[in-house]
Structures are given as structure tokens and as C-alpha cells.
C-alpha atoms as a PDB file:
ATOM      1  CA  UNK A   1     -16.490  64.996   8.127  1.00  0.00           C
ATOM      2  CA  UNK A   2     -19.853  66.593   8.875  1.00  0.00           C
ATOM      3  CA  UNK A   3     -21.845  68.140   6.041  1.00  0.00           C
ATOM      4  CA  UNK A   4     -22.453  71.879   5.957  1.00  0.00           C
ATOM      5  CA  UNK A   5     -26.089  71.178   6.893  1.00  0.00           C
ATOM      6  CA  UNK A   6     -25.030  69.166   9.965  1.00  0.00           C
ATOM      7  CA  UNK A   7     -22.850  72.088  11.021  1.00  0.00           C
ATOM      8  CA  UNK A   8     -25.789  74.475  10.513  1.00  0.00           C
ATOM      9  CA  UNK A   9     -28.130  72.284  12.590  1.00  0.00           C
ATOM     10  CA  UNK A  10     -25.480  72.050  15.322  1.00  0.00           C
ATOM     11  CA  UNK A  11     -25.131  75.839  15.432  1.00  0.00           C
ATOM     12  CA  UNK A  12     -21.519  75.726  14.204  1.00  0.00           C
ATOM     13  CA  UNK A  13     -22.462  77.768  11.128  1.00  0.00           C
ATOM     14  CA  UNK A  14     -24.980  80.631  11.450  1.00  0.00           C
ATOM     15  CA  UNK A  15     -28.364  80.228   9.802  1.00  0.00           C
ATOM     16  CA  UNK A  16     -31.779  81.840   9.675  1.00  0.00           C
ATOM     17  CA  UNK A  17     -33.628  79.244  11.772  1.00  0.00           C
ATOM     18  CA  UNK A  18     -37.340  78.938  11.016  1.00  0.00           C
ATOM     19  CA  UNK A  19     -38.185  75.886  13.143  1.00  0.00           C
ATOM     20  CA  UNK A  20     -36.559  73.040  14.999  1.00  0.00           C
ATOM     21  CA  UNK A  21     -37.089  70.091  17.251  1.00  0.00           C
ATOM     22  CA  UNK A  22     -34.874  67.259  18.462  1.00  0.00           C
ATOM     23  CA  UNK A  23     -35.017  65.492  15.104  1.00  0.00           C
ATOM     24  CA  UNK A  24     -35.342  68.181  12.406  1.00  0.00           C
ATOM     25  CA  UNK A  25     -34.134  71.680  11.611  1.00  0.00           C
ATOM     26  CA  UNK A  26     -35.619  74.217   9.161  1.00  0.00           C
ATOM     27  CA  UNK A  27     -33.776  77.296   7.941  1.00  0.00           C
ATOM     28  CA  UNK A  28     -33.932  79.817   5.122  1.00  0.00           C
ATOM     29  CA  UNK A  29     -32.013  78.992   1.969  1.00  0.00           C
ATOM     30  CA  UNK A  30     -29.282  81.640   1.649  1.00  0.00           C
ATOM     31  CA  UNK A  31     -29.702  81.536  -2.144  1.00  0.00           C
ATOM     32  CA  UNK A  32     -33.494  81.501  -2.329  1.00  0.00           C
ATOM     33  CA  UNK A  33     -35.674  81.139  -5.382  1.00  0.00           C
ATOM     34  CA  UNK A  34     -38.194  83.432  -3.661  1.00  0.00           C
ATOM     35  CA  UNK A  35     -38.467  85.109  -0.280  1.00  0.00           C
ATOM     36  CA  UNK A  36     -39.191  82.479   2.359  1.00  0.00           C
ATOM     37  CA  UNK A  37     -37.542  79.550   0.519  1.00  0.00           C
ATOM     38  CA  UNK A  38     -36.835  77.177   3.402  1.00  0.00           C
ATOM     39  CA  UNK A  39     -34.849  73.961   3.781  1.00  0.00           C
ATOM     40  CA  UNK A  40     -35.905  71.171   6.146  1.00  0.00           C
ATOM     41  CA  UNK A  41     -33.231  68.686   7.193  1.00  0.00           C
ATOM     42  CA  UNK A  42     -32.958  65.762   9.567  1.00  0.00           C
ATOM     43  CA  UNK A  43     -30.408  66.399  12.307  1.00  0.00           C
ATOM     44  CA  UNK A  44     -29.121  62.883  11.659  1.00  0.00           C
ATOM     45  CA  UNK A  45     -26.758  63.126   8.718  1.00  0.00           C
ATOM     46  CA  UNK A  46     -28.093  61.033   5.843  1.00  0.00           C
ATOM     47  CA  UNK A  47     -27.155  61.774   2.237  1.00  0.00           C
ATOM     48  CA  UNK A  48     -30.215  60.341   0.472  1.00  0.00           C
ATOM     49  CA  UNK A  49     -33.695  61.051   1.786  1.00  0.00           C
ATOM     50  CA  UNK A  50     -34.854  57.512   1.010  1.00  0.00           C
ATOM     51  CA  UNK A  51     -32.117  56.116   3.252  1.00  0.00           C
ATOM     52  CA  UNK A  52     -34.164  57.448   6.185  1.00  0.00           C
ATOM     53  CA  UNK A  53     -36.486  54.911   7.764  1.00  0.00           C
ATOM     54  CA  UNK A  54     -40.145  55.037   6.755  1.00  0.00           C
ATOM     55  CA  UNK A  55     -40.941  56.407  10.207  1.00  0.00           C
ATOM     56  CA  UNK A  56     -38.299  59.158   9.903  1.00  0.00           C
ATOM     57  CA  UNK A  57     -39.564  60.141   6.444  1.00  0.00           C
ATOM     58  CA  UNK A  58     -43.085  60.348   7.851  1.00  0.00           C
ATOM     59  CA  UNK A  59     -42.023  62.502  10.785  1.00  0.00           C
ATOM     60  CA  UNK A  60     -39.903  64.709   8.496  1.00  0.00           C
ATOM     61  CA  UNK A  61     -42.868  65.351   6.198  1.00  0.00           C
ATOM     62  CA  UNK A  62     -45.154  66.102   9.149  1.00  0.00           C
ATOM     63  CA  UNK A  63     -42.558  68.588  10.459  1.00  0.00           C
ATOM     64  CA  UNK A  64     -42.194  70.087   6.942  1.00  0.00           C
ATOM     65  CA  UNK A  65     -45.988  70.431   6.651  1.00  0.00           C
ATOM     66  CA  UNK A  66     -46.104  72.423   9.881  1.00  0.00           C
ATOM     67  CA  UNK A  67     -43.274  74.657   8.593  1.00  0.00           C
ATOM     68  CA  UNK A  68     -45.116  75.067   5.268  1.00  0.00           C
ATOM     69  CA  UNK A  69     -48.294  76.158   7.076  1.00  0.00           C
ATOM     70  CA  UNK A  70     -46.256  78.741   8.992  1.00  0.00           C
ATOM     71  CA  UNK A  71     -44.655  79.981   5.754  1.00  0.00           C
ATOM     72  CA  UNK A  72     -48.049  80.293   4.057  1.00  0.00           C
ATOM     73  CA  UNK A  73     -49.402  82.326   6.993  1.00  0.00           C
ATOM     74  CA  UNK A  74     -46.411  84.679   7.100  1.00  0.00           C
ATOM     75  CA  UNK A  75     -45.842  85.016   3.353  1.00  0.00           C
ATOM     76  CA  UNK A  76     -49.183  84.946   1.574  1.00  0.00           C
ATOM     77  CA  UNK A  77     -48.849  82.708  -1.448  1.00  0.00           C
ATOM     78  CA  UNK A  78     -51.019  80.404  -3.517  1.00  0.00           C
ATOM     79  CA  UNK A  79     -49.267  77.295  -2.163  1.00  0.00           C
ATOM     80  CA  UNK A  80     -45.954  76.221  -0.700  1.00  0.00           C
ATOM     81  CA  UNK A  81     -44.196  73.984  -3.204  1.00  0.00           C
ATOM     82  CA  UNK A  82     -42.165  70.975  -2.114  1.00  0.00           C
ATOM     83  CA  UNK A  83     -39.068  69.611  -3.837  1.00  0.00           C
ATOM     84  CA  UNK A  84     -36.484  67.000  -2.966  1.00  0.00           C
ATOM     85  CA  UNK A  85     -33.458  67.207  -5.219  1.00  0.00           C
ATOM     86  CA  UNK A  86     -30.538  66.243  -3.041  1.00  0.00           C
ATOM     87  CA  UNK A  87     -27.595  66.592  -5.401  1.00  0.00           C
ATOM     88  CA  UNK A  88     -26.129  69.909  -4.276  1.00  0.00           C
ATOM     89  CA  UNK A  89     -25.427  68.996  -0.625  1.00  0.00           C
ATOM     90  CA  UNK A  90     -24.802  65.442   0.655  1.00  0.00           C
ATOM     91  CA  UNK A  91     -27.465  65.724   3.354  1.00  0.00           C
ATOM     92  CA  UNK A  92     -31.140  64.857   2.884  1.00  0.00           C
ATOM     93  CA  UNK A  93     -33.316  67.956   2.657  1.00  0.00           C
ATOM     94  CA  UNK A  94     -36.714  69.201   1.550  1.00  0.00           C
ATOM     95  CA  UNK A  95     -37.155  72.558  -0.185  1.00  0.00           C
ATOM     96  CA  UNK A  96     -40.287  74.517   0.787  1.00  0.00           C
ATOM     97  CA  UNK A  97     -40.903  77.333  -1.698  1.00  0.00           C
ATOM     98  CA  UNK A  98     -43.739  79.879  -1.401  1.00  0.00           C
ATOM     99  CA  UNK A  99     -45.350  79.961  -4.851  1.00  0.00           C
ATOM    100  CA  UNK A 100     -47.429  82.465  -6.741  1.00  0.00           C
ATOM    101  CA  UNK A 101     -47.025  80.269  -9.842  1.00  0.00           C
ATOM    102  CA  UNK A 102     -45.257  77.042 -10.775  1.00  0.00           C
ATOM    103  CA  UNK A 103     -42.464  79.130 -12.297  1.00  0.00           C
ATOM    104  CA  UNK A 104     -41.368  79.945  -8.734  1.00  0.00           C
ATOM    105  CA  UNK A 105     -40.216  76.308  -8.432  1.00  0.00           C
ATOM    106  CA  UNK A 106     -37.781  76.431 -11.361  1.00  0.00           C
ATOM    107  CA  UNK A 107     -34.401  75.827  -9.782  1.00  0.00           C
ATOM    108  CA  UNK A 108     -32.752  77.230 -12.910  1.00  0.00           C
ATOM    109  CA  UNK A 109     -34.201  80.668 -12.062  1.00  0.00           C
ATOM    110  CA  UNK A 110     -31.762  83.308 -10.810  1.00  0.00           C
ATOM    111  CA  UNK A 111     -31.385  83.183  -7.041  1.00  0.00           C
ATOM    112  CA  UNK A 112     -32.281  86.195  -4.900  1.00  0.00           C
ATOM    113  CA  UNK A 113     -29.827  88.126  -2.753  1.00  0.00           C
ATOM    114  CA  UNK A 114     -31.866  89.473   0.173  1.00  0.00           C
ATOM    115  CA  UNK A 115     -30.507  91.728   2.926  1.00  0.00           C
ATOM    116  CA  UNK A 116     -29.634  89.902   6.149  1.00  0.00           C
ATOM    117  CA  UNK A 117     -32.147  92.027   8.082  1.00  0.00           C
ATOM    118  CA  UNK A 118     -34.942  90.879   5.756  1.00  0.00           C
ATOM    119  CA  UNK A 119     -33.812  87.251   5.997  1.00  0.00           C
ATOM    120  CA  UNK A 120     -33.742  87.430   9.813  1.00  0.00           C
ATOM    121  CA  UNK A 121     -37.159  89.103   9.990  1.00  0.00           C
ATOM    122  CA  UNK A 122     -38.623  86.422   7.692  1.00  0.00           C
ATOM    123  CA  UNK A 123     -37.096  83.566   9.706  1.00  0.00           C
ATOM    124  CA  UNK A 124     -38.284  85.119  12.978  1.00  0.00           C
ATOM    125  CA  UNK A 125     -41.841  85.499  11.642  1.00  0.00           C
ATOM    126  CA  UNK A 126     -41.947  81.894  10.375  1.00  0.00           C
ATOM    127  CA  UNK A 127     -40.517  80.578  13.661  1.00  0.00           C
ATOM    128  CA  UNK A 128     -43.045  82.548  15.712  1.00  0.00           C
ATOM    129  CA  UNK A 129     -45.928  81.184  13.601  1.00  0.00           C
ATOM    130  CA  UNK A 130     -44.492  77.649  13.730  1.00  0.00           C
ATOM    131  CA  UNK A 131     -44.320  77.809  17.532  1.00  0.00           C
ATOM    132  CA  UNK A 132     -47.864  79.209  17.723  1.00  0.00           C
ATOM    133  CA  UNK A 133     -49.364  76.210  15.893  1.00  0.00           C
END
């Protein structure tokens, strides 16, 4: 059975797409720590990020870096934090979190509930910047 993230990447479940190519898909976390919190996944379903080949990990991080640059342009922040936790969904993923301080990366923080219009506008802005790079 396909993971929820595989279904999102396949377009079977709606998402706020920020960037994509043949190998990777980036979309806004629906329970974000901060506005612009984005997830980057491989389209190939792999539970543990270190089960990807070295080449895939490299390409995934290069893709994530381009997404992070787009996030930082659209949502001014000090830096875009990176986290790989991988316990909540059995599909490898990278969290990209716009940070004003390190406290923004505390996954125990309450999650935001943002209006769908704001989520869509944020995803559209990130995608436009990603494609411009």
C-alpha cells in the first residue's frame, strides 16, 4: 500500500506543491511549525532516507537546497532550517523550516493552522521562485 506521501506526489491527494521534478516533490506541511514549512520527498517510496543510494541522497539535497533558496526569497528569514526525522510517516522526507530563531525548529511547538488561501499563495510564490532559479 502506498504511503500518504506517495499519494500526494502522484496527485491522488491534494497538496500545496512548492516544487517538483521527475525524482522529487516538495509541498507545504499542512501542520506547519511556521509559515512556509515545506517537506521534500523522493517520488520513489523509501521509508528511511539512508536507504536511498548515495547519488539519490545527493540529488535530493541539491533539490532541497534550491527549494530552500526559493523559500528564503519568498519568506524573509534568517535561515531555512533542515531536519530529517522520519518517524511520523513511512516515507523519507526532509523538513525545510524558515527560521527567525532556533526555537522555530522545535517540533514540540504547537502547529499552525493557516487558511487554505494563505497556504496556496505561499506555495505558489515558492514554486514561482523555484522555477525562476
